Amino acid sequence: GTYVEEGDLLCELDATQLIDRKLSQEISVRNADAAYVKSNQNYEIQVSQNESDIANALQNLEFAKQDLAQYEDTYELDIATADEAIQEANEAYIQAKNKNEWSDKLATQGFLTPTELEQDTIAYNRAEIRKIQAEREKLKLTKYTKPRERDELVAALAEAERELQRVNLQAKARLVDFEADMRTNEDKLKLEREQLAKLESQIEKSKIY
């Protein structure tokens, strides 16, 4: 029989269970929010990691291209150096040969001792050996060393190109996984918040004004 005015509380229903559920739901919302924040951070970290991996693969590819270009630039220089070594050895060989032949004539005439002739002969033999070694070095360079070096550089370039493709594919695949995880946690957070809002609305309606 009490007179009331607009806004006065008339009746409050028992909302104990709803309040308990609200507290539990608030914990669920916080957990869902933490999971979403973590998945979002993991996504950003993966984006940064992808950028680093791709940049590193691109750098390795550029280095492989530079190595092959450097090989092409130095090939003629290496061959020229080998030719110069052969020419030097050949000139020394001719000089030693002429000296040895002359010494042989002088020794025959008694103007040189056998020891002196032997020294010139040894020098001639050594010059001949150096000449042969220089020619062998060029043959080894042109037939084995340089072709193998080029094959290795070409293979390294091809592998660097394949590695860049692999890194790009792996980056996309990993990003898809992290993005899916982030979207899933975002949807879970949305559902948990909606559930909390529903409970808060029910608790609010337990009071009649």
N, C-alpha and C. Protein backbone atom coordinates (compact mmCIF):
# COMPACT_ATOMS: atom_id res chain seq x y z
N GLY A 1 0.79 -1.21 0.00
CA GLY A 1 0.00 0.00 0.00
C GLY A 1 0.83 1.26 0.00
N THR A 2 2.12 1.14 -0.32
CA THR A 2 2.96 2.34 -0.31
C THR A 2 2.91 3.02 -1.67
N TYR A 3 2.78 4.32 -1.63
CA TYR A 3 2.81 5.06 -2.89
C TYR A 3 4.23 5.08 -3.47
N VAL A 4 4.31 4.89 -4.75
CA VAL A 4 5.63 4.88 -5.41
C VAL A 4 5.66 5.90 -6.53
N GLU A 5 6.87 6.23 -6.92
CA GLU A 5 7.07 7.15 -8.03
C GLU A 5 7.87 6.45 -9.14
N GLU A 6 7.88 7.07 -10.28
CA GLU A 6 8.60 6.48 -11.42
C GLU A 6 10.09 6.38 -11.08
N GLY A 7 10.67 5.16 -11.27
CA GLY A 7 12.08 4.92 -10.99
C GLY A 7 12.30 4.21 -9.67
N ASP A 8 11.26 4.07 -8.83
CA ASP A 8 11.43 3.36 -7.56
C ASP A 8 11.50 1.86 -7.80
N LEU A 9 12.35 1.18 -7.03
CA LEU A 9 12.50 -0.27 -7.14
C LEU A 9 11.29 -0.94 -6.50
N LEU A 10 10.56 -1.72 -7.30
CA LEU A 10 9.37 -2.41 -6.79
C LEU A 10 9.69 -3.82 -6.34
N CYS A 11 10.55 -4.50 -7.13
CA CYS A 11 10.78 -5.92 -6.84
C CYS A 11 12.13 -6.33 -7.41
N GLU A 12 12.85 -7.19 -6.68
CA GLU A 12 14.14 -7.72 -7.17
C GLU A 12 14.11 -9.24 -7.09
N LEU A 13 14.22 -9.87 -8.25
CA LEU A 13 14.21 -11.33 -8.31
C LEU A 13 15.58 -11.88 -7.90
N ASP A 14 15.61 -13.13 -7.49
CA ASP A 14 16.86 -13.77 -7.08
C ASP A 14 17.74 -14.01 -8.32
N ALA A 15 18.88 -13.33 -8.41
CA ALA A 15 19.80 -13.46 -9.56
C ALA A 15 21.15 -14.02 -9.12
N THR A 16 21.17 -14.74 -8.03
CA THR A 16 22.44 -15.27 -7.50
C THR A 16 23.16 -16.15 -8.51
N GLN A 17 22.41 -17.05 -9.11
CA GLN A 17 23.03 -17.95 -10.10
C GLN A 17 23.54 -17.17 -11.31
N LEU A 18 22.76 -16.17 -11.72
CA LEU A 18 23.20 -15.35 -12.86
C LEU A 18 24.47 -14.57 -12.54
N ILE A 19 24.57 -14.06 -11.30
CA ILE A 19 25.76 -13.31 -10.89
C ILE A 19 26.99 -14.23 -10.87
N ASP A 20 26.78 -15.47 -10.36
CA ASP A 20 27.88 -16.44 -10.34
C ASP A 20 28.34 -16.76 -11.77
N ARG A 21 27.35 -16.94 -12.64
CA ARG A 21 27.68 -17.23 -14.03
C ARG A 21 28.37 -16.02 -14.68
N LYS A 22 27.97 -14.81 -14.28
CA LYS A 22 28.59 -13.61 -14.82
C LYS A 22 30.06 -13.53 -14.43
N LEU A 23 30.37 -13.85 -13.18
CA LEU A 23 31.76 -13.83 -12.73
C LEU A 23 32.60 -14.84 -13.51
N SER A 24 32.03 -16.02 -13.69
CA SER A 24 32.72 -17.05 -14.46
C SER A 24 32.90 -16.62 -15.92
N GLN A 25 31.84 -15.95 -16.43
CA GLN A 25 31.91 -15.51 -17.82
C GLN A 25 32.94 -14.39 -18.00
N GLU A 26 33.09 -13.54 -17.00
CA GLU A 26 34.11 -12.48 -17.07
C GLU A 26 35.51 -13.08 -17.17
N ILE A 27 35.72 -14.18 -16.45
CA ILE A 27 37.01 -14.88 -16.54
C ILE A 27 37.21 -15.44 -17.94
N SER A 28 36.11 -16.02 -18.49
CA SER A 28 36.19 -16.57 -19.85
C SER A 28 36.51 -15.48 -20.87
N VAL A 29 35.91 -14.29 -20.67
CA VAL A 29 36.17 -13.17 -21.58
C VAL A 29 37.63 -12.74 -21.50
N ARG A 30 38.15 -12.65 -20.26
CA ARG A 30 39.56 -12.26 -20.10
C ARG A 30 40.50 -13.29 -20.75
N ASN A 31 40.19 -14.56 -20.56
CA ASN A 31 41.02 -15.60 -21.17
C ASN A 31 40.96 -15.54 -22.70
N ALA A 32 39.75 -15.32 -23.21
CA ALA A 32 39.58 -15.23 -24.67
C ALA A 32 40.29 -14.00 -25.21
N ASP A 33 40.23 -12.90 -24.45
CA ASP A 33 40.90 -11.67 -24.88
C ASP A 33 42.42 -11.88 -24.89
N ALA A 34 42.95 -12.56 -23.87
CA ALA A 34 44.39 -12.83 -23.80
C ALA A 34 44.83 -13.73 -24.96
N ALA A 35 43.99 -14.74 -25.26
CA ALA A 35 44.31 -15.65 -26.37
C ALA A 35 44.31 -14.90 -27.70
N TYR A 36 43.36 -13.98 -27.85
CA TYR A 36 43.30 -13.20 -29.09
C TYR A 36 44.51 -12.27 -29.22
N VAL A 37 44.85 -11.60 -28.12
CA VAL A 37 46.01 -10.70 -28.14
C VAL A 37 47.28 -11.48 -28.47
N LYS A 38 47.42 -12.66 -27.85
CA LYS A 38 48.61 -13.49 -28.09
C LYS A 38 48.67 -13.95 -29.55
N SER A 39 47.54 -14.41 -30.09
CA SER A 39 47.52 -14.87 -31.48
C SER A 39 47.79 -13.72 -32.45
N ASN A 40 47.30 -12.53 -32.08
CA ASN A 40 47.54 -11.34 -32.91
C ASN A 40 49.03 -10.98 -32.91
N GLN A 41 49.64 -11.07 -31.74
CA GLN A 41 51.08 -10.80 -31.63
C GLN A 41 51.89 -11.85 -32.40
N ASN A 42 51.46 -13.11 -32.27
CA ASN A 42 52.16 -14.18 -33.01
C ASN A 42 52.06 -13.95 -34.52
N TYR A 43 50.92 -13.46 -34.95
CA TYR A 43 50.74 -13.16 -36.37
C TYR A 43 51.70 -12.06 -36.82
N GLU A 44 51.80 -11.00 -36.02
CA GLU A 44 52.70 -9.89 -36.36
C GLU A 44 54.15 -10.35 -36.34
N ILE A 45 54.48 -11.21 -35.37
CA ILE A 45 55.85 -11.75 -35.30
C ILE A 45 56.17 -12.56 -36.55
N GLN A 46 55.20 -13.37 -36.99
CA GLN A 46 55.41 -14.19 -38.17
C GLN A 46 55.55 -13.33 -39.42
N VAL A 47 54.78 -12.26 -39.48
CA VAL A 47 54.92 -11.33 -40.62
C VAL A 47 56.34 -10.77 -40.67
N SER A 48 56.84 -10.36 -39.50
CA SER A 48 58.21 -9.83 -39.43
C SER A 48 59.24 -10.90 -39.78
N GLN A 49 59.00 -12.13 -39.27
CA GLN A 49 59.93 -13.23 -39.56
C GLN A 49 59.93 -13.55 -41.05
N ASN A 50 58.75 -13.53 -41.66
CA ASN A 50 58.66 -13.78 -43.11
C ASN A 50 59.46 -12.75 -43.89
N GLU A 51 59.34 -11.50 -43.47
CA GLU A 51 60.08 -10.43 -44.16
C GLU A 51 61.58 -10.66 -44.05
N SER A 52 62.03 -11.09 -42.86
CA SER A 52 63.46 -11.35 -42.66
C SER A 52 63.92 -12.54 -43.49
N ASP A 53 63.12 -13.62 -43.50
CA ASP A 53 63.49 -14.82 -44.25
C ASP A 53 63.56 -14.53 -45.75
N ILE A 54 62.58 -13.80 -46.24
CA ILE A 54 62.55 -13.48 -47.67
C ILE A 54 63.72 -12.56 -48.04
N ALA A 55 63.99 -11.57 -47.17
CA ALA A 55 65.11 -10.66 -47.43
C ALA A 55 66.43 -11.42 -47.44
N ASN A 56 66.58 -12.38 -46.53
CA ASN A 56 67.80 -13.18 -46.48
C ASN A 56 67.95 -14.05 -47.73
N ALA A 57 66.83 -14.64 -48.17
CA ALA A 57 66.86 -15.47 -49.37
C ALA A 57 67.18 -14.62 -50.61
N LEU A 58 66.63 -13.42 -50.66
CA LEU A 58 66.92 -12.51 -51.77
C LEU A 58 68.39 -12.09 -51.77
N GLN A 59 68.92 -11.87 -50.58
CA GLN A 59 70.33 -11.49 -50.47
C GLN A 59 71.23 -12.63 -50.93
N ASN A 60 70.91 -13.87 -50.53
CA ASN A 60 71.69 -15.03 -50.95
C ASN A 60 71.63 -15.21 -52.47
N LEU A 61 70.45 -14.94 -53.04
CA LEU A 61 70.31 -15.03 -54.48
C LEU A 61 71.17 -13.98 -55.18
N GLU A 62 71.18 -12.77 -54.64
CA GLU A 62 71.99 -11.70 -55.22
C GLU A 62 73.47 -12.03 -55.12
N PHE A 63 73.88 -12.59 -53.98
CA PHE A 63 75.28 -12.99 -53.82
C PHE A 63 75.66 -14.06 -54.84
N ALA A 64 74.76 -15.01 -55.07
CA ALA A 64 75.02 -16.08 -56.03
C ALA A 64 75.17 -15.51 -57.44
N LYS A 65 74.35 -14.52 -57.78
CA LYS A 65 74.45 -13.87 -59.09
C LYS A 65 75.79 -13.12 -59.20
N GLN A 66 76.18 -12.45 -58.13
CA GLN A 66 77.43 -11.70 -58.14
C GLN A 66 78.63 -12.64 -58.27
N ASP A 67 78.58 -13.78 -57.57
CA ASP A 67 79.67 -14.75 -57.65
C ASP A 67 79.85 -15.27 -59.07
N LEU A 68 78.73 -15.57 -59.73
CA LEU A 68 78.80 -16.06 -61.11
C LEU A 68 79.31 -14.97 -62.04
N ALA A 69 78.85 -13.73 -61.84
CA ALA A 69 79.31 -12.62 -62.67
C ALA A 69 80.80 -12.37 -62.46
N GLN A 70 81.24 -12.50 -61.21
CA GLN A 70 82.66 -12.31 -60.92
C GLN A 70 83.50 -13.40 -61.58
N TYR A 71 82.98 -14.62 -61.59
CA TYR A 71 83.68 -15.71 -62.27
C TYR A 71 83.86 -15.40 -63.75
N GLU A 72 82.78 -14.93 -64.37
CA GLU A 72 82.84 -14.60 -65.80
C GLU A 72 83.86 -13.49 -66.06
N ASP A 73 83.93 -12.53 -65.13
CA ASP A 73 84.85 -11.41 -65.32
C ASP A 73 86.31 -11.83 -65.14
N THR A 74 86.56 -12.78 -64.24
CA THR A 74 87.94 -13.16 -63.92
C THR A 74 88.44 -14.35 -64.74
N TYR A 75 87.55 -14.99 -65.48
CA TYR A 75 87.97 -16.18 -66.24
C TYR A 75 89.10 -15.83 -67.22
N GLU A 76 88.87 -14.82 -68.04
CA GLU A 76 89.88 -14.43 -69.03
C GLU A 76 91.18 -13.99 -68.35
N LEU A 77 91.03 -13.32 -67.20
CA LEU A 77 92.21 -12.87 -66.47
C LEU A 77 93.03 -14.06 -65.98
N ASP A 78 92.35 -15.09 -65.48
CA ASP A 78 93.05 -16.29 -65.00
C ASP A 78 93.76 -17.00 -66.15
N ILE A 79 93.10 -17.08 -67.29
CA ILE A 79 93.72 -17.72 -68.46
C ILE A 79 94.93 -16.91 -68.93
N ALA A 80 94.79 -15.59 -68.92
CA ALA A 80 95.90 -14.73 -69.32
C ALA A 80 97.08 -14.89 -68.36
N THR A 81 96.79 -15.00 -67.09
CA THR A 81 97.86 -15.20 -66.09
C THR A 81 98.57 -16.53 -66.33
N ALA A 82 97.80 -17.58 -66.67
CA ALA A 82 98.39 -18.88 -66.96
C ALA A 82 99.26 -18.81 -68.22
N ASP A 83 98.79 -18.07 -69.23
CA ASP A 83 99.58 -17.90 -70.46
C ASP A 83 100.88 -17.15 -70.18
N GLU A 84 100.81 -16.16 -69.33
CA GLU A 84 102.01 -15.40 -68.98
C GLU A 84 103.01 -16.29 -68.25
N ALA A 85 102.49 -17.16 -67.37
CA ALA A 85 103.38 -18.08 -66.65
C ALA A 85 104.05 -19.04 -67.62
N ILE A 86 103.30 -19.50 -68.64
CA ILE A 86 103.88 -20.40 -69.65
C ILE A 86 104.94 -19.66 -70.46
N GLN A 87 104.63 -18.44 -70.84
CA GLN A 87 105.59 -17.66 -71.62
C GLN A 87 106.88 -17.42 -70.84
N GLU A 88 106.71 -17.07 -69.55
CA GLU A 88 107.87 -16.84 -68.70
C GLU A 88 108.71 -18.10 -68.58
N ALA A 89 108.03 -19.23 -68.34
CA ALA A 89 108.74 -20.50 -68.18
C ALA A 89 109.40 -20.90 -69.49
N ASN A 90 108.73 -20.63 -70.60
CA ASN A 90 109.28 -20.98 -71.91
C ASN A 90 110.53 -20.15 -72.23
N GLU A 91 110.48 -18.86 -71.90
CA GLU A 91 111.65 -18.01 -72.12
C GLU A 91 112.83 -18.45 -71.25
N ALA A 92 112.53 -18.79 -70.00
CA ALA A 92 113.59 -19.27 -69.12
C ALA A 92 114.15 -20.61 -69.62
N TYR A 93 113.25 -21.43 -70.17
CA TYR A 93 113.68 -22.73 -70.71
C TYR A 93 114.61 -22.54 -71.92
N ILE A 94 114.22 -21.65 -72.83
CA ILE A 94 115.05 -21.40 -74.02
C ILE A 94 116.42 -20.85 -73.62
N GLN A 95 116.38 -19.93 -72.67
CA GLN A 95 117.64 -19.35 -72.21
C GLN A 95 118.53 -20.41 -71.57
N ALA A 96 117.94 -21.25 -70.73
CA ALA A 96 118.72 -22.31 -70.07
C ALA A 96 119.21 -23.34 -71.08
N LYS A 97 118.40 -23.62 -72.10
CA LYS A 97 118.79 -24.58 -73.13
C LYS A 97 119.98 -24.06 -73.94
N ASN A 98 119.89 -22.80 -74.35
CA ASN A 98 120.99 -22.21 -75.12
C ASN A 98 122.26 -22.16 -74.31
N LYS A 99 122.12 -21.80 -73.04
CA LYS A 99 123.30 -21.74 -72.18
C LYS A 99 123.92 -23.11 -71.99
N ASN A 100 123.04 -24.11 -71.83
CA ASN A 100 123.54 -25.48 -71.63
C ASN A 100 124.25 -25.98 -72.88
N GLU A 101 123.68 -25.69 -74.06
CA GLU A 101 124.33 -26.11 -75.31
C GLU A 101 125.69 -25.42 -75.49
N TRP A 102 125.72 -24.15 -75.15
CA TRP A 102 126.99 -23.43 -75.25
C TRP A 102 128.02 -23.94 -74.24
N SER A 103 127.52 -24.22 -73.04
CA SER A 103 128.42 -24.76 -72.01
C SER A 103 128.96 -26.12 -72.42
N ASP A 104 128.13 -26.92 -73.10
CA ASP A 104 128.56 -28.23 -73.56
C ASP A 104 129.71 -28.10 -74.56
N LYS A 105 129.58 -27.10 -75.45
CA LYS A 105 130.65 -26.87 -76.43
C LYS A 105 131.93 -26.39 -75.75
N LEU A 106 131.75 -25.48 -74.77
CA LEU A 106 132.92 -24.99 -74.04
C LEU A 106 133.60 -26.08 -73.25
N ALA A 107 132.77 -26.95 -72.67
CA ALA A 107 133.34 -28.05 -71.89
C ALA A 107 134.10 -29.02 -72.79
N THR A 108 133.55 -29.23 -73.99
CA THR A 108 134.22 -30.11 -74.95
C THR A 108 135.59 -29.55 -75.33
N GLN A 109 135.66 -28.23 -75.38
CA GLN A 109 136.92 -27.59 -75.75
C GLN A 109 137.83 -27.35 -74.53
N GLY A 110 137.32 -27.73 -73.36
CA GLY A 110 138.14 -27.63 -72.16
C GLY A 110 138.08 -26.29 -71.46
N PHE A 111 137.10 -25.45 -71.83
CA PHE A 111 137.00 -24.13 -71.21
C PHE A 111 136.12 -24.15 -69.95
N LEU A 112 135.36 -25.23 -69.76
CA LEU A 112 134.50 -25.36 -68.56
C LEU A 112 134.81 -26.67 -67.86
N THR A 113 134.70 -26.63 -66.56
CA THR A 113 134.92 -27.86 -65.80
C THR A 113 133.64 -28.70 -65.85
N PRO A 114 133.74 -29.99 -65.62
CA PRO A 114 132.55 -30.84 -65.58
C PRO A 114 131.52 -30.36 -64.56
N THR A 115 131.99 -29.81 -63.46
CA THR A 115 131.08 -29.31 -62.42
C THR A 115 130.25 -28.14 -62.93
N GLU A 116 130.90 -27.22 -63.63
CA GLU A 116 130.19 -26.07 -64.19
C GLU A 116 129.18 -26.51 -65.25
N LEU A 117 129.58 -27.48 -66.07
CA LEU A 117 128.66 -28.01 -67.07
C LEU A 117 127.46 -28.68 -66.42
N GLU A 118 127.74 -29.38 -65.35
CA GLU A 118 126.65 -30.08 -64.63
C GLU A 118 125.66 -29.07 -64.05
N GLN A 119 126.17 -27.96 -63.52
CA GLN A 119 125.29 -26.93 -62.97
C GLN A 119 124.37 -26.34 -64.05
N ASP A 120 124.94 -26.09 -65.23
CA ASP A 120 124.14 -25.56 -66.33
C ASP A 120 123.11 -26.58 -66.82
N THR A 121 123.51 -27.85 -66.80
CA THR A 121 122.58 -28.92 -67.22
C THR A 121 121.42 -29.03 -66.24
N ILE A 122 121.75 -28.93 -64.95
CA ILE A 122 120.70 -28.99 -63.91
C ILE A 122 119.75 -27.81 -64.06
N ALA A 123 120.30 -26.62 -64.32
CA ALA A 123 119.46 -25.44 -64.50
C ALA A 123 118.56 -25.60 -65.71
N TYR A 124 119.10 -26.21 -66.77
CA TYR A 124 118.32 -26.46 -67.99
C TYR A 124 117.18 -27.43 -67.71
N ASN A 125 117.48 -28.50 -66.97
CA ASN A 125 116.45 -29.51 -66.63
C ASN A 125 115.35 -28.89 -65.77
N ARG A 126 115.76 -28.05 -64.85
CA ARG A 126 114.77 -27.40 -63.98
C ARG A 126 113.88 -26.45 -64.79
N ALA A 127 114.45 -25.74 -65.70
CA ALA A 127 113.68 -24.83 -66.54
C ALA A 127 112.69 -25.60 -67.39
N GLU A 128 113.12 -26.76 -67.88
CA GLU A 128 112.22 -27.59 -68.67
C GLU A 128 111.06 -28.10 -67.83
N ILE A 129 111.37 -28.47 -66.59
CA ILE A 129 110.31 -28.96 -65.67
C ILE A 129 109.31 -27.84 -65.38
N ARG A 130 109.83 -26.62 -65.13
CA ARG A 130 108.93 -25.49 -64.85
C ARG A 130 108.05 -25.19 -66.06
N LYS A 131 108.60 -25.31 -67.24
CA LYS A 131 107.84 -25.09 -68.47
C LYS A 131 106.71 -26.11 -68.57
N ILE A 132 107.03 -27.37 -68.33
CA ILE A 132 106.01 -28.43 -68.38
C ILE A 132 104.94 -28.21 -67.31
N GLN A 133 105.38 -27.81 -66.11
CA GLN A 133 104.43 -27.57 -65.02
C GLN A 133 103.49 -26.41 -65.34
N ALA A 134 104.03 -25.36 -65.95
CA ALA A 134 103.18 -24.21 -66.32
C ALA A 134 102.13 -24.61 -67.34
N GLU A 135 102.53 -25.44 -68.31
CA GLU A 135 101.58 -25.91 -69.32
C GLU A 135 100.52 -26.82 -68.70
N ARG A 136 100.95 -27.64 -67.74
CA ARG A 136 100.00 -28.53 -67.06
C ARG A 136 99.01 -27.72 -66.22
N GLU A 137 99.51 -26.65 -65.59
CA GLU A 137 98.64 -25.82 -64.77
C GLU A 137 97.54 -25.17 -65.61
N LYS A 138 97.91 -24.73 -66.80
CA LYS A 138 96.89 -24.14 -67.67
C LYS A 138 95.89 -25.20 -68.12
N LEU A 139 96.40 -26.37 -68.47
CA LEU A 139 95.50 -27.46 -68.87
C LEU A 139 94.54 -27.82 -67.74
N LYS A 140 95.08 -27.92 -66.55
CA LYS A 140 94.25 -28.22 -65.37
C LYS A 140 93.22 -27.12 -65.15
N LEU A 141 93.66 -25.87 -65.34
CA LEU A 141 92.78 -24.72 -65.13
C LEU A 141 91.61 -24.72 -66.11
N THR A 142 91.94 -24.94 -67.40
CA THR A 142 90.91 -24.84 -68.45
C THR A 142 90.04 -26.09 -68.54
N LYS A 143 90.60 -27.25 -68.19
CA LYS A 143 89.86 -28.50 -68.38
C LYS A 143 89.11 -28.94 -67.14
N TYR A 144 89.63 -28.60 -65.96
CA TYR A 144 89.02 -29.10 -64.73
C TYR A 144 88.59 -27.98 -63.76
N THR A 145 89.55 -27.15 -63.34
CA THR A 145 89.29 -26.19 -62.27
C THR A 145 88.20 -25.19 -62.63
N LYS A 146 88.37 -24.48 -63.76
CA LYS A 146 87.40 -23.43 -64.13
C LYS A 146 86.03 -24.00 -64.49
N PRO A 147 85.95 -25.10 -65.28
CA PRO A 147 84.62 -25.65 -65.57
C PRO A 147 83.89 -26.11 -64.30
N ARG A 148 84.65 -26.74 -63.39
CA ARG A 148 84.02 -27.20 -62.15
C ARG A 148 83.56 -26.00 -61.31
N GLU A 149 84.39 -24.97 -61.26
CA GLU A 149 84.03 -23.77 -60.51
C GLU A 149 82.76 -23.14 -61.08
N ARG A 150 82.66 -23.09 -62.40
CA ARG A 150 81.48 -22.51 -63.02
C ARG A 150 80.24 -23.36 -62.75
N ASP A 151 80.39 -24.68 -62.85
CA ASP A 151 79.26 -25.58 -62.57
C ASP A 151 78.77 -25.39 -61.14
N GLU A 152 79.69 -25.25 -60.21
CA GLU A 152 79.31 -25.05 -58.81
C GLU A 152 78.57 -23.73 -58.62
N LEU A 153 79.05 -22.69 -59.29
CA LEU A 153 78.40 -21.38 -59.16
C LEU A 153 77.02 -21.37 -59.80
N VAL A 154 76.88 -22.03 -60.94
CA VAL A 154 75.58 -22.13 -61.61
C VAL A 154 74.61 -22.91 -60.74
N ALA A 155 75.11 -24.00 -60.14
CA ALA A 155 74.26 -24.82 -59.25
C ALA A 155 73.86 -24.01 -58.01
N ALA A 156 74.79 -23.23 -57.48
CA ALA A 156 74.49 -22.40 -56.30
C ALA A 156 73.44 -21.35 -56.64
N LEU A 157 73.52 -20.79 -57.82
CA LEU A 157 72.52 -19.80 -58.25
C LEU A 157 71.14 -20.44 -58.39
N ALA A 158 71.10 -21.61 -59.00
CA ALA A 158 69.83 -22.32 -59.16
C ALA A 158 69.23 -22.69 -57.81
N GLU A 159 70.09 -23.12 -56.88
CA GLU A 159 69.62 -23.48 -55.55
C GLU A 159 69.11 -22.24 -54.80
N ALA A 160 69.78 -21.10 -54.97
CA ALA A 160 69.33 -19.87 -54.33
C ALA A 160 67.96 -19.44 -54.87
N GLU A 161 67.72 -19.66 -56.15
CA GLU A 161 66.42 -19.34 -56.73
C GLU A 161 65.34 -20.27 -56.17
N ARG A 162 65.68 -21.56 -56.06
CA ARG A 162 64.71 -22.52 -55.48
C ARG A 162 64.45 -22.21 -54.01
N GLU A 163 65.49 -21.82 -53.29
CA GLU A 163 65.33 -21.49 -51.88
C GLU A 163 64.42 -20.29 -51.69
N LEU A 164 64.54 -19.31 -52.57
CA LEU A 164 63.66 -18.15 -52.50
C LEU A 164 62.20 -18.56 -52.72
N GLN A 165 61.97 -19.46 -53.66
CA GLN A 165 60.61 -19.96 -53.90
C GLN A 165 60.09 -20.70 -52.67
N ARG A 166 60.95 -21.54 -52.08
CA ARG A 166 60.53 -22.29 -50.88
C ARG A 166 60.20 -21.34 -49.73
N VAL A 167 61.05 -20.33 -49.54
CA VAL A 167 60.82 -19.38 -48.44
C VAL A 167 59.51 -18.63 -48.64
N ASN A 168 59.23 -18.23 -49.87
CA ASN A 168 57.97 -17.53 -50.15
C ASN A 168 56.76 -18.42 -49.87
N LEU A 169 56.83 -19.68 -50.31
CA LEU A 169 55.72 -20.61 -50.07
C LEU A 169 55.54 -20.89 -48.58
N GLN A 170 56.67 -21.13 -47.89
CA GLN A 170 56.59 -21.39 -46.45
C GLN A 170 56.05 -20.18 -45.70
N ALA A 171 56.45 -18.99 -46.13
CA ALA A 171 55.98 -17.76 -45.48
C ALA A 171 54.45 -17.64 -45.61
N LYS A 172 53.94 -17.91 -46.81
CA LYS A 172 52.49 -17.83 -47.02
C LYS A 172 51.75 -18.88 -46.19
N ALA A 173 52.30 -20.10 -46.17
CA ALA A 173 51.64 -21.19 -45.43
C ALA A 173 51.61 -20.88 -43.94
N ARG A 174 52.73 -20.41 -43.39
CA ARG A 174 52.77 -20.11 -41.96
C ARG A 174 51.85 -18.95 -41.62
N LEU A 175 51.80 -17.98 -42.51
CA LEU A 175 50.96 -16.82 -42.25
C LEU A 175 49.48 -17.21 -42.26
N VAL A 176 49.12 -18.14 -43.14
CA VAL A 176 47.74 -18.63 -43.18
C VAL A 176 47.37 -19.27 -41.86
N ASP A 177 48.28 -20.09 -41.31
CA ASP A 177 48.02 -20.77 -40.03
C ASP A 177 47.83 -19.76 -38.90
N PHE A 178 48.74 -18.79 -38.82
CA PHE A 178 48.65 -17.79 -37.75
C PHE A 178 47.43 -16.89 -37.91
N GLU A 179 47.09 -16.58 -39.16
CA GLU A 179 45.92 -15.75 -39.40
C GLU A 179 44.64 -16.49 -39.02
N ALA A 180 44.60 -17.79 -39.35
CA ALA A 180 43.42 -18.59 -38.99
C ALA A 180 43.27 -18.67 -37.48
N ASP A 181 44.40 -18.85 -36.78
CA ASP A 181 44.36 -18.91 -35.32
C ASP A 181 43.89 -17.58 -34.74
N MET A 182 44.35 -16.50 -35.32
CA MET A 182 43.95 -15.17 -34.84
C MET A 182 42.45 -14.94 -35.06
N ARG A 183 41.94 -15.31 -36.25
CA ARG A 183 40.52 -15.13 -36.55
C ARG A 183 39.65 -16.01 -35.64
N THR A 184 40.13 -17.21 -35.38
CA THR A 184 39.38 -18.12 -34.49
C THR A 184 39.27 -17.53 -33.10
N ASN A 185 40.39 -17.02 -32.57
CA ASN A 185 40.37 -16.42 -31.24
C ASN A 185 39.55 -15.13 -31.20
N GLU A 186 39.54 -14.42 -32.31
CA GLU A 186 38.72 -13.21 -32.40
C GLU A 186 37.24 -13.56 -32.32
N ASP A 187 36.85 -14.62 -33.03
CA ASP A 187 35.45 -15.07 -33.00
C ASP A 187 35.07 -15.59 -31.61
N LYS A 188 35.98 -16.32 -30.97
CA LYS A 188 35.72 -16.82 -29.61
C LYS A 188 35.52 -15.66 -28.64
N LEU A 189 36.38 -14.64 -28.77
CA LEU A 189 36.26 -13.48 -27.89
C LEU A 189 34.91 -12.78 -28.11
N LYS A 190 34.50 -12.68 -29.34
CA LYS A 190 33.22 -12.05 -29.66
C LYS A 190 32.06 -12.82 -29.03
N LEU A 191 32.12 -14.15 -29.13
CA LEU A 191 31.06 -14.98 -28.54
C LEU A 191 31.04 -14.87 -27.02
N GLU A 192 32.22 -14.86 -26.40
CA GLU A 192 32.29 -14.76 -24.95
C GLU A 192 31.76 -13.41 -24.48
N ARG A 193 32.07 -12.35 -25.20
CA ARG A 193 31.57 -11.03 -24.84
C ARG A 193 30.06 -10.94 -25.00
N GLU A 194 29.54 -11.57 -26.05
CA GLU A 194 28.09 -11.59 -26.26
C GLU A 194 27.40 -12.34 -25.13
N GLN A 195 28.01 -13.44 -24.69
CA GLN A 195 27.45 -14.22 -23.59
C GLN A 195 27.46 -13.41 -22.30
N LEU A 196 28.55 -12.66 -22.07
CA LEU A 196 28.64 -11.82 -20.88
C LEU A 196 27.59 -10.71 -20.93
N ALA A 197 27.42 -10.09 -22.08
CA ALA A 197 26.42 -9.03 -22.23
C ALA A 197 25.01 -9.57 -21.98
N LYS A 198 24.78 -10.80 -22.42
CA LYS A 198 23.47 -11.43 -22.21
C LYS A 198 23.20 -11.64 -20.72
N LEU A 199 24.23 -12.12 -20.01
CA LEU A 199 24.07 -12.33 -18.57
C LEU A 199 23.86 -11.01 -17.84
N GLU A 200 24.63 -9.99 -18.24
CA GLU A 200 24.46 -8.68 -17.61
C GLU A 200 23.05 -8.13 -17.84
N SER A 201 22.53 -8.38 -19.05
CA SER A 201 21.16 -7.92 -19.35
C SER A 201 20.14 -8.67 -18.50
N GLN A 202 20.36 -9.98 -18.32
CA GLN A 202 19.43 -10.77 -17.50
C GLN A 202 19.46 -10.34 -16.04
N ILE A 203 20.67 -10.04 -15.54
CA ILE A 203 20.79 -9.59 -14.16
C ILE A 203 20.10 -8.25 -13.99
N GLU A 204 20.28 -7.38 -14.96
CA GLU A 204 19.65 -6.06 -14.90
C GLU A 204 18.12 -6.17 -14.89
N LYS A 205 17.60 -7.15 -15.64
CA LYS A 205 16.14 -7.32 -15.71
C LYS A 205 15.55 -8.01 -14.48
N SER A 206 16.44 -8.45 -13.57
CA SER A 206 15.91 -9.08 -12.34
C SER A 206 15.35 -8.04 -11.37
N LYS A 207 15.60 -6.76 -11.67
CA LYS A 207 15.05 -5.68 -10.85
C LYS A 207 13.93 -4.98 -11.60
N ILE A 208 12.78 -4.84 -10.94
CA ILE A 208 11.63 -4.20 -11.56
C ILE A 208 11.42 -2.84 -10.92
N TYR A 209 11.40 -1.80 -11.73
CA TYR A 209 11.27 -0.43 -11.23
C TYR A 209 9.88 0.10 -11.57
